[in-house]
Amino acid sequence: MKTQGIITENMTAAVDLMHNATYVVRDGVLKQVPQPVDGFGKQIITWENGKPLGGKLESSFKIK
């Protein structure tokens, strides 16, 4: 099967399921989204025309 120049039947990727992470796929390429520096926060992905365009990290902290 061919979609927009990408042969989709052989497109696979392996990720380490023991590593907590967020990933995005754009044009057949898997990319890991950076984590908030302090370990708490949000990853906000901006989409345009059905594709991830960019992102924003928001950090927060806990008061114990």
Foldseek 3Di string as FASTA:
>chain_A
DDDPNDDPVPQDDDDDPVDDFDWFAFPSDIDTDDAPPVRDWDWAFDDDPRGTDDIDTDHDDDDD
